[in-house]
């Protein structure tokens, strides 16, 4: 159809007009199908292009990651530029898709919906009117001449022809409009798409054109790299041939590696001697060794790669993976607490062992020279680790000044042995333990210079025997390092009251009497398994204990009497004969040795009994536990000790009174403070702190009574109105004499009629957790300073 339909022909409705109308309809409705196909294809194109853009962005991102791994700056910059260019192209592609949707797809869909779809409804009305006009005319023409209905039929023809003419004009006019619109409106959408795609390709061309300089540089570099590769390939083949010839003799494991090839098996590096660092040089060594498994039956040896790094010996398999739980446990060994020595009697050659408190590791080198070198390096690393935190001059002095952590007389910890007060205040206590009779040698194997202790037996051990003791379990022996662990004053006093000589008079009595083979006659070359059997016989089976003390009327009563005199050696002898540590003396109100020790304010006896797992919640005939007695004695330190060992603070006696009720009844302010403070913090989130904080709060009232009877350990409440606080150098500064006043609070049940003034507590050690001036103790009544 090249020209619009003539509206004047609508009323005539000739066959020629109908042919022109059909051609026009075909053109318009053909446009509809074309638009539908274009929209469908455009949507598919956008969908596929979006997926393509997503993959291209992933590709560009991976290129960027690959660029970060390149050591060559030129390649790294080229790849980064290429990656960013691809990302920019794909961002432009996304914009193209948005423009296609906004400027092409949606307008075409709207054209079909708003223009062509209504035309179909108009066409239906036109065809309906045409049929009605034809039917009315046929009906009119069929009337007989004398038919009375002729005027009525004539009127119907008139009406239908008028309606047909109107519908025909409407339909033809709409067709002419669409025919005219498609010439410019449809092409506008096509043109917009052309401009959009042209801008997209032009912009991306400029983006990729910026890569040309980089591409030229990379091309030149690749030519150079290929030439270098060809040269290196020739040199590599020559070096391979030389290495095979020179390493021919080193394949034999019986021969040590030469100096030139030693680094292939292991490396040994040490800091330059001119290093001005205060820390001593730390040895390094690495290489393959065979490690003996811990199985007692069908023992296995696995080849692992070991590395000395400072004070640790680490190991892993060739692929770096951990295959078993045993491998995981032995991944890192702290050499600071280990003893290294060659294995004398072994079913394999070139073996040496690393003895730690937990277990013994047996390793095997390939030849004697490597084994000796490993032992030397490990021993050196262990010594360097011990002295690592000290100044260089410290290494020239006493070799026994190792790192350790003790608790001084004020209850404050001194860590790592770096303070001068450590040697002046705490070292003498350890020295006294080491100077006790028999403490210069191990209590079991008699090797010299023992550095470990069994706290419940009060004896000193070598590192190898300490490992055996630890394997027996804490219910038999509690092992602690003399120099590396923290020692409480009570534990030190327990050690001073026992010692190797006294304990061996009990547990090796039959050996000393000649009933068994003398220990000094035992083979000095016994292996660990033999010593383990001996120690089990000594402490678990108790085969060497004399039975002379078993003829007393009651070993339980004898133990109770010995503890009442704080004769720990005698008490230990009766324990070894089977005495019960929780024996209740019926003549003394069914009190246990723990109750009596608390009544005597005997911290040492309490510590000894706790070491032997006495029942901390045992009660007498009145239903009083150790906490009740300590509260009645106003002994805050023992209250603290018992609460730290998980004593039941809510246990009530026969009168339904808890320990805090006893302290309130007797007006013991310090005991009430300790108990309330424990209850207060017990209400907090316990997982936030490893200790419940009473230690710090009671620093000024918790010195051991056996240290200084007139010190702040004296737990009797002072009735003076104020106390003079002295600030000494190196000590914690005391709190003000008069704490800040707080609002008074009364409780009819717990009010103290005659409030007692207590010395101001040292609160600085509480840090940011507690201050007594701000602490409100629930159900306690008025504190002394609240009366003002």
Foldseek 3Di string as FASTA:
>chain_A
DPDAQDLVCQLVPDPVSVVVVVVLVCVLVVVLVVLVVVLVVLVVVLVVLLVVLVVLLVVLVVLLVVLVVDPDPLSSVLSPLVSVLSNVLSVLSVVLSVLCVVLANVVSVVCCVVQVVVLVVLVVQLVVLVVQLVVLVVVLVPDDPVDPCNVVSVVSNVVSSVSNSVSSSVNSVSSNVSVVCCVPVNVSSVVSSVVSVVVSVVVSVVSVVVSVVSVVVVVVVVVVVVVVVVVVVVVVVVVVVVVCVVCVVVVQLADDDDPVCNVVFKDWDWDDPPDPDQFHIAIKMKGKKWKWDPDPPPIDTDIWIWMRDQQKIAIAHPVRDDDDPVNVVRRIDGLLQWDKDAQDDDPDPLWIWIFALAGIIIIHGSYNVVSVVVRVNSVVSNLSNQCRPDGPVVVVDDSPQGWAWEAFLLRDIDGGSHDPVCCVTPVVLLVLLCPPPPNQAALQLRHGDFFKAFQLQLEGHHRLVSSLQVVVPLLQTDMDGSRYYYYYPLSSVSSNLHYSVLSCCFQQVCLVVVVDPNSVPDDSSDDSVVSSVVVCCRGVVSVRGDCPVVPDPALQVVLLVCLLVPNVSSNVNSVSVPHDQCAFDVVVQRHGSLQSCLLVLPSNSNVNSVSNPYDQCDAGNQQDGSLLSNLLVLQLQVNVVSVVVPHDQCRATPVRDGSLNNNLVVLSVSSNVSSLLQVVLVPPDVVVDPDSQSCLQCSQQHRRCVVPVPGSVVRDFDQDPWDDFDDDPPDQGADDGQADADAFDADPVRADPDAGDGYRTRDVSSPPNDDPSPDDRPPHGGHPNNVD
